[in-house]
N, C-alpha and C. Protein backbone atom coordinates (compact mmCIF):
# COMPACT_ATOMS: atom_id res chain seq x y z
N UNK A 1 182.49 156.45 142.11
CA UNK A 1 182.13 157.06 141.47
C UNK A 1 180.21 157.44 141.74
N UNK A 2 179.45 157.60 141.70
CA UNK A 2 177.40 157.34 142.67
C UNK A 2 177.83 157.79 140.80
N UNK A 3 176.31 156.96 140.43
CA UNK A 3 174.70 157.42 139.01
C UNK A 3 174.34 157.75 139.67
N UNK A 4 173.72 159.38 139.07
CA UNK A 4 172.58 159.69 139.66
C UNK A 4 171.51 160.01 138.34
N UNK A 5 170.63 158.91 139.43
CA UNK A 5 169.54 158.72 138.96
C UNK A 5 167.65 158.79 139.91
N UNK A 6 167.31 161.03 138.92
CA UNK A 6 165.65 161.16 138.82
C UNK A 6 164.83 160.10 138.30
N UNK A 7 164.14 159.78 139.96
CA UNK A 7 162.67 159.54 139.21
C UNK A 7 161.41 159.89 139.96
N UNK A 8 160.95 159.94 138.74
CA UNK A 8 160.05 160.68 137.96
C UNK A 8 158.79 160.60 137.93
N UNK A 9 157.65 160.74 138.11
CA UNK A 9 156.40 160.13 137.80
C UNK A 9 156.04 159.53 139.17
N UNK A 10 154.36 158.56 139.12
CA UNK A 10 152.90 158.48 140.00
C UNK A 10 153.13 158.74 141.29
N UNK A 11 152.98 158.95 141.95
CA UNK A 11 153.24 158.62 142.90
C UNK A 11 152.62 158.47 144.56
N UNK A 12 151.62 157.31 143.22
CA UNK A 12 150.90 156.26 144.48
C UNK A 12 151.29 155.06 145.52
N UNK A 13 151.89 154.22 144.67
CA UNK A 13 152.81 153.62 144.60
C UNK A 13 154.41 153.56 145.06
N UNK A 14 154.50 152.33 145.68
CA UNK A 14 156.37 152.18 145.98
C UNK A 14 157.33 152.33 145.11
N UNK A 15 156.52 152.83 143.83
CA UNK A 15 158.02 151.53 142.73
C UNK A 15 159.06 152.68 143.20
N UNK A 16 159.35 153.87 143.66
CA UNK A 16 160.26 154.33 144.67
C UNK A 16 161.68 153.61 144.88
N UNK A 17 160.46 153.15 146.18
CA UNK A 17 161.69 152.31 146.78
C UNK A 17 161.55 151.22 146.82
N UNK A 18 160.88 150.53 145.97
CA UNK A 18 161.67 148.85 146.00
C UNK A 18 162.53 149.44 144.35
N UNK A 19 162.80 150.23 143.83
CA UNK A 19 163.71 150.27 142.59
C UNK A 19 165.26 150.73 143.86
N UNK A 20 165.23 151.22 144.68
CA UNK A 20 166.61 152.19 145.52
C UNK A 20 166.54 150.26 146.82
N UNK A 21 166.01 150.39 147.20
CA UNK A 21 165.86 149.16 147.95
C UNK A 21 166.85 148.02 147.43
N UNK A 22 166.00 147.52 146.20
CA UNK A 22 166.80 146.26 145.08
C UNK A 22 168.17 147.27 144.64
N UNK A 23 168.13 148.60 144.18
CA UNK A 23 169.60 148.84 143.87
C UNK A 23 170.88 148.79 144.90
N UNK A 24 170.01 149.43 146.68
CA UNK A 24 170.62 148.74 148.30
C UNK A 24 171.31 147.57 147.84
N UNK A 25 170.60 146.58 148.29
CA UNK A 25 170.75 145.37 147.38
C UNK A 25 171.72 144.23 147.09
N UNK A 26 171.84 145.14 145.52
CA UNK A 26 173.15 144.80 144.44
C UNK A 26 174.01 145.44 144.95
N UNK A 27 173.98 146.30 146.07
CA UNK A 27 175.56 147.61 146.59
C UNK A 27 175.91 148.24 145.09
N UNK A 28 174.55 148.67 144.38
CA UNK A 28 174.92 149.12 143.63
C UNK A 28 174.83 151.21 144.35
N UNK A 29 175.74 151.85 143.06
CA UNK A 29 176.57 153.09 144.05
C UNK A 29 175.61 154.33 142.76
N UNK A 30 174.21 154.22 143.75
CA UNK A 30 173.50 154.32 143.09
C UNK A 30 173.53 155.75 144.06
N UNK A 31 172.58 157.42 142.99
CA UNK A 31 172.27 158.23 144.34
C UNK A 31 170.55 158.45 143.82
N UNK A 32 169.47 158.36 144.77
CA UNK A 32 168.33 158.61 143.83
C UNK A 32 167.70 160.16 144.04
N UNK A 33 167.15 160.64 142.92
CA UNK A 33 166.52 161.79 144.00
C UNK A 33 164.91 161.89 142.81
N UNK A 34 164.15 162.77 143.55
CA UNK A 34 162.65 162.50 143.05
C UNK A 34 162.32 163.38 143.38
N UNK A 35 160.89 163.91 142.09
CA UNK A 35 160.17 164.93 142.42
C UNK A 35 159.58 165.55 144.52
N UNK A 36 158.59 166.44 144.74
CA UNK A 36 158.01 166.45 145.72
C UNK A 36 157.20 165.30 145.95
N UNK A 37 156.90 164.04 146.59
CA UNK A 37 155.92 163.41 147.00
C UNK A 37 154.71 163.06 147.99
N UNK A 38 154.82 164.19 148.31
CA UNK A 38 153.57 164.43 148.96
C UNK A 38 151.97 165.35 148.05
N UNK A 39 151.65 164.54 147.54
CA UNK A 39 150.41 166.15 146.80
C UNK A 39 150.78 167.34 147.53
N UNK A 40 149.53 166.82 148.65
CA UNK A 40 149.50 167.79 149.25
C UNK A 40 150.71 168.81 149.07
N UNK A 41 152.16 169.16 149.72
CA UNK A 41 153.09 169.36 149.49
C UNK A 41 152.66 170.39 148.13
N UNK A 42 152.95 169.50 147.60
CA UNK A 42 153.59 169.83 145.85
C UNK A 42 152.00 170.76 145.28
N UNK A 43 151.21 170.52 145.86
CA UNK A 43 149.66 171.77 145.60
C UNK A 43 149.59 171.98 145.53
N UNK A 44 150.71 172.68 147.31
CA UNK A 44 150.65 174.25 147.75
C UNK A 44 151.87 175.07 147.80
N UNK A 45 152.90 174.38 146.90
CA UNK A 45 154.54 175.05 146.86
C UNK A 45 154.83 176.08 146.22
N UNK A 46 153.46 176.77 145.90
CA UNK A 46 153.59 178.07 146.03
C UNK A 46 152.76 179.09 146.61
N UNK A 47 151.92 178.54 147.57
CA UNK A 47 150.53 179.06 148.48
C UNK A 47 151.48 180.40 149.54
N UNK A 48 152.98 180.11 149.69
CA UNK A 48 152.86 181.24 150.10
C UNK A 48 153.48 182.22 149.65
N UNK A 49 153.55 182.46 148.11
CA UNK A 49 153.65 183.70 148.22
C UNK A 49 152.70 185.08 147.39
N UNK A 50 150.84 184.02 148.49
CA UNK A 50 150.37 185.09 148.18
C UNK A 50 149.15 184.05 147.63
N UNK A 51 147.50 184.43 148.72
CA UNK A 51 146.85 183.89 148.84
C UNK A 51 146.17 184.52 146.69
N UNK A 52 145.12 182.80 145.96
CA UNK A 52 145.00 183.09 144.97
C UNK A 52 143.55 183.11 145.60
N UNK A 53 142.59 183.86 144.63
CA UNK A 53 141.20 183.29 144.69
C UNK A 53 141.19 182.53 143.22
N UNK A 54 142.16 182.25 141.91
CA UNK A 54 141.56 181.38 141.27
C UNK A 54 142.27 180.11 141.16
N UNK A 55 142.15 179.10 141.11
CA UNK A 55 142.85 177.74 141.31
C UNK A 55 143.45 177.44 139.80
N UNK A 56 143.87 177.50 138.25
CA UNK A 56 144.38 178.11 137.34
C UNK A 56 146.09 178.84 138.44
N UNK A 57 145.87 180.33 138.69
CA UNK A 57 146.68 181.14 139.64
C UNK A 57 147.35 180.18 141.35
N UNK A 58 146.84 179.58 141.42
CA UNK A 58 147.04 178.84 142.19
C UNK A 58 148.73 177.37 142.23
N UNK A 59 147.77 176.74 141.07
CA UNK A 59 148.52 175.91 139.91
C UNK A 59 149.48 176.03 139.67
N UNK A 60 149.32 177.57 138.69
CA UNK A 60 150.34 178.06 137.96
C UNK A 60 151.58 178.48 138.55
N UNK A 61 152.02 179.05 140.26
CA UNK A 61 152.58 179.18 141.17
C UNK A 61 152.75 178.10 141.83
N UNK A 62 152.24 177.21 142.15
CA UNK A 62 153.12 175.77 142.51
C UNK A 62 154.40 174.90 141.42
N UNK A 63 153.02 175.44 140.46
CA UNK A 63 154.66 174.22 138.93
C UNK A 63 155.33 174.67 138.80
N UNK A 64 155.44 176.46 138.85
CA UNK A 64 156.53 176.44 138.82
C UNK A 64 158.52 176.48 140.32
N UNK A 65 157.34 176.55 141.47
CA UNK A 65 158.84 176.48 142.28
C UNK A 65 158.66 174.95 142.33
N UNK A 66 157.67 174.35 141.91
CA UNK A 66 157.81 172.82 141.87
C UNK A 66 159.18 172.42 141.16
N UNK A 67 158.74 172.99 139.53
CA UNK A 67 159.55 172.83 138.42
C UNK A 67 161.35 173.74 138.72
N UNK A 68 161.30 174.45 139.66
CA UNK A 68 162.78 175.09 140.37
C UNK A 68 163.06 173.37 140.63
N UNK A 69 163.13 172.13 141.65
CA UNK A 69 163.27 171.09 141.52
C UNK A 69 163.61 170.28 140.64
N UNK A 70 162.41 170.27 140.31
CA UNK A 70 162.48 168.90 139.30
C UNK A 70 163.36 169.53 137.74
N UNK A 71 163.31 170.59 137.58
CA UNK A 71 164.26 171.03 136.25
C UNK A 71 165.91 170.26 136.55
N UNK A 72 166.93 171.19 138.49
CA UNK A 72 167.10 170.90 138.48
C UNK A 72 168.21 169.56 138.92
N UNK A 73 167.63 168.91 139.12
CA UNK A 73 167.10 167.73 139.14
C UNK A 73 167.15 166.50 137.57
N UNK A 74 166.80 167.26 137.95
CA UNK A 74 166.72 166.28 135.92
C UNK A 74 167.70 166.44 135.44
N UNK A 75 168.61 167.73 134.79
CA UNK A 75 170.06 167.86 134.58
C UNK A 75 170.61 167.71 135.01
N UNK A 76 170.96 168.09 136.21
CA UNK A 76 172.23 167.35 137.24
C UNK A 76 171.66 166.01 137.53
N UNK A 77 170.98 164.63 136.28
CA UNK A 77 171.03 163.43 136.51
C UNK A 77 171.28 163.22 135.74
N UNK A 78 172.19 161.47 135.78
CA UNK A 78 172.35 160.54 134.48
C UNK A 78 171.53 160.03 133.68
N UNK A 79 170.36 159.91 134.69
CA UNK A 79 169.28 158.51 133.57
C UNK A 79 168.69 158.77 134.02
N UNK A 80 166.63 159.26 134.23
CA UNK A 80 165.97 160.09 134.77
C UNK A 80 164.88 158.30 134.01
N UNK A 81 164.13 157.56 135.55
CA UNK A 81 163.16 157.54 135.16
C UNK A 81 161.92 158.06 135.04
N UNK A 82 161.12 157.36 134.55
CA UNK A 82 159.55 157.99 133.69
C UNK A 82 158.74 156.57 134.26
N UNK A 83 157.59 156.28 135.03
CA UNK A 83 156.78 155.49 135.78
C UNK A 83 155.92 156.35 135.21
N UNK A 84 154.64 156.12 134.74
CA UNK A 84 153.27 156.09 134.51
C UNK A 84 152.53 154.48 134.82
N UNK A 85 151.83 155.41 135.70
CA UNK A 85 151.10 154.19 136.99
C UNK A 85 149.23 154.52 135.76
N UNK A 86 148.29 153.21 136.94
CA UNK A 86 147.18 152.84 136.13
C UNK A 86 145.85 153.47 136.57
N UNK A 87 146.22 153.65 137.29
CA UNK A 87 145.20 154.62 137.92
C UNK A 87 144.77 156.09 137.74
N UNK A 88 146.37 157.21 137.57
CA UNK A 88 145.58 158.30 137.12
C UNK A 88 146.50 158.59 136.17
N UNK A 89 145.85 160.20 135.59
CA UNK A 89 147.26 159.95 134.04
C UNK A 89 148.06 160.25 134.49
N UNK A 90 149.26 161.33 134.46
CA UNK A 90 150.18 161.19 134.84
C UNK A 90 151.31 162.35 134.37
N UNK A 91 151.10 163.11 133.68
CA UNK A 91 151.57 164.71 132.45
C UNK A 91 152.34 165.04 133.07
N UNK A 92 152.72 164.80 134.07
CA UNK A 92 153.92 165.80 134.40
C UNK A 92 155.47 164.98 134.51
N UNK A 93 154.70 163.72 134.08
CA UNK A 93 155.39 162.16 134.05
C UNK A 93 155.97 162.38 132.40
N UNK A 94 155.24 162.32 131.48
CA UNK A 94 155.17 163.25 130.41
C UNK A 94 155.53 163.83 130.45
N UNK A 95 155.45 164.52 130.76
CA UNK A 95 156.32 166.71 130.79
C UNK A 95 157.94 166.52 130.76
N UNK A 96 157.86 165.68 132.16
CA UNK A 96 159.32 165.35 132.08
C UNK A 96 159.84 164.51 131.10
N UNK A 97 160.24 163.92 131.03
CA UNK A 97 159.98 162.60 129.83
C UNK A 97 160.46 163.40 129.02
N UNK A 98 159.43 164.44 127.97
CA UNK A 98 159.50 165.16 127.10
C UNK A 98 161.02 166.45 127.43
N UNK A 99 161.68 166.62 129.01
CA UNK A 99 162.50 167.27 128.60
C UNK A 99 163.67 166.49 128.50
N UNK A 100 163.16 165.55 129.47
CA UNK A 100 165.06 164.64 129.24
C UNK A 100 165.01 164.81 127.30
N UNK A 101 163.95 164.42 126.48
CA UNK A 101 164.76 163.93 125.34
C UNK A 101 164.69 164.94 124.68
N UNK A 102 164.33 166.41 124.82
CA UNK A 102 165.18 167.74 124.41
C UNK A 102 166.26 168.33 124.76
N UNK A 103 167.10 167.23 126.05
CA UNK A 103 167.98 167.15 126.52
C UNK A 103 168.99 166.37 126.36
N UNK A 104 168.19 165.75 125.69
CA UNK A 104 169.69 164.82 125.38
C UNK A 104 169.87 164.05 126.31
N UNK A 105 168.64 163.89 127.96
CA UNK A 105 168.80 163.41 128.50
C UNK A 105 168.52 161.90 128.40
N UNK A 106 169.01 160.47 128.88
CA UNK A 106 168.85 159.26 128.68
C UNK A 106 167.36 158.93 129.58
N UNK A 107 165.86 158.19 129.70
CA UNK A 107 165.60 158.61 130.26
C UNK A 107 164.54 156.42 130.03
N UNK A 108 164.24 155.71 131.33
CA UNK A 108 163.89 154.72 130.69
C UNK A 108 162.00 155.08 131.16
N UNK A 109 161.20 154.76 130.65
CA UNK A 109 159.77 154.47 130.85
C UNK A 109 159.46 153.33 131.87
N UNK A 110 158.47 153.81 132.68
CA UNK A 110 158.72 152.39 133.23
C UNK A 110 156.93 151.85 133.82
N UNK A 111 155.67 151.08 133.10
CA UNK A 111 154.84 151.34 132.38
C UNK A 111 154.17 150.10 132.48
N UNK A 112 152.84 149.88 132.63
CA UNK A 112 152.29 149.04 131.71
C UNK A 112 151.89 147.73 130.45
N UNK A 113 151.99 146.87 130.09
CA UNK A 113 151.57 146.87 129.11
C UNK A 113 150.01 147.37 128.25
N UNK A 114 149.41 147.76 128.73
CA UNK A 114 147.69 148.17 128.68
C UNK A 114 148.12 149.45 128.19
N UNK A 115 149.24 150.12 127.94
CA UNK A 115 149.86 151.90 128.11
C UNK A 115 151.08 152.04 126.82
N UNK A 116 151.15 150.41 126.79
CA UNK A 116 151.51 151.19 125.27
C UNK A 116 151.25 151.97 123.96
N UNK A 117 150.13 152.23 124.22
CA UNK A 117 149.56 153.19 122.01
C UNK A 117 149.69 154.50 123.40
N UNK A 118 149.15 155.00 124.26
CA UNK A 118 149.22 156.60 123.79
C UNK A 118 150.61 156.54 124.37
N UNK A 119 151.16 155.50 125.16
CA UNK A 119 153.09 155.89 125.64
C UNK A 119 153.85 155.91 123.99
N UNK A 120 153.07 155.63 122.82
CA UNK A 120 153.76 155.25 122.26
C UNK A 120 155.02 156.88 121.42
N UNK A 121 154.70 157.95 121.52
CA UNK A 121 155.35 158.73 121.31
C UNK A 121 156.96 159.08 122.43
N UNK A 122 155.76 158.57 123.96
CA UNK A 122 156.80 158.77 125.30
C UNK A 122 158.15 157.62 124.95
N UNK A 123 158.07 156.49 124.67
CA UNK A 123 158.45 155.03 125.50
C UNK A 123 159.21 154.99 123.20
N UNK A 124 159.29 155.94 122.32
CA UNK A 124 160.24 155.80 120.90
C UNK A 124 161.51 157.11 121.60
N UNK A 125 161.32 157.57 122.30
CA UNK A 125 162.10 157.61 123.24
C UNK A 125 163.67 157.99 124.50
N UNK A 126 162.55 156.94 124.84
CA UNK A 126 163.86 156.74 125.35
C UNK A 126 164.50 155.09 125.01
N UNK A 127 165.45 155.35 126.49
CA UNK A 127 166.37 154.79 126.22
C UNK A 127 165.95 152.64 126.19
N UNK A 128 164.99 152.76 127.03
CA UNK A 128 164.61 151.08 127.33
C UNK A 128 162.82 151.37 127.88
N UNK A 129 162.60 150.47 127.98
CA UNK A 129 161.09 150.62 128.38
C UNK A 129 160.61 149.51 129.87
N UNK A 130 160.56 149.57 130.54
CA UNK A 130 160.47 148.48 132.07
C UNK A 130 159.40 148.68 131.81
N UNK A 131 158.65 146.77 132.31
CA UNK A 131 157.38 146.81 133.23
C UNK A 131 157.41 147.15 134.73
N UNK A 132 158.47 146.35 134.94
CA UNK A 132 158.82 146.01 136.36
C UNK A 132 159.88 146.34 137.00
N UNK A 133 159.90 147.60 138.78
CA UNK A 133 160.63 147.81 139.09
C UNK A 133 162.68 147.28 139.42
N UNK A 134 161.86 145.60 139.04
CA UNK A 134 163.00 145.07 138.39
C UNK A 134 164.42 144.94 138.14
N UNK A 135 162.98 145.11 137.01
CA UNK A 135 164.44 145.21 135.26
C UNK A 135 164.75 146.76 135.47
N UNK A 136 164.13 147.78 136.02
CA UNK A 136 165.17 148.79 136.76
C UNK A 136 166.14 148.43 136.77
N UNK A 137 166.13 148.36 138.11
CA UNK A 137 167.35 147.46 138.66
C UNK A 137 168.14 147.24 137.99
N UNK A 138 168.07 146.10 137.31
CA UNK A 138 168.55 144.45 136.26
C UNK A 138 169.32 145.73 135.13
N UNK A 139 169.59 147.49 135.30
CA UNK A 139 169.27 147.51 134.02
C UNK A 139 170.56 148.80 134.70
N UNK A 140 170.27 149.17 135.88
CA UNK A 140 170.73 149.66 136.68
C UNK A 140 172.21 149.20 137.09
N UNK A 141 172.22 147.88 136.58
CA UNK A 141 173.22 147.66 137.02
C UNK A 141 174.23 146.86 136.30
N UNK A 142 173.59 146.15 134.94
CA UNK A 142 174.43 146.55 133.76
C UNK A 142 175.19 147.94 133.10
N UNK A 143 174.56 148.95 133.68
CA UNK A 143 175.00 150.28 133.55
C UNK A 143 176.22 151.39 134.12
N UNK A 144 176.06 150.43 135.00
CA UNK A 144 177.63 150.74 136.80
C UNK A 144 178.19 150.03 136.73
N UNK A 145 178.04 149.30 135.95
CA UNK A 145 179.33 147.30 136.55
C UNK A 145 178.99 147.51 135.93
N UNK A 146 179.62 147.54 134.33
CA UNK A 146 179.62 146.26 132.83
C UNK A 146 180.67 147.08 132.37
């Protein structure tokens, strides 16, 4: 039986690939899903619904179209990994973590020590806090094979 893991958050590094490769190398039966990670495509997700002169409404439409994928995949997952990177503030990742908490969906946060304080509430609701993709793979190994 496959274990479904949604990989949320930061899109500027290869952390998703590191986790997927680690799980494959460990022979884990894990299916990974994620949001659209092409920033320009995500920003333009609602453009086909009509041109907007105001950036707020363009973002509003695109966020709703993106939410169709995000909410569905989070709801279908067994576990969510929420990555907070060092360079940008990932408000969408914090929202995903809150959505998981509201659904009582287990999630793991993945971030460095330098942002422990601003993420204290997000981490408090998480089932684990990891600092490396390898730690996430070890958690996956344990929960799928224990």
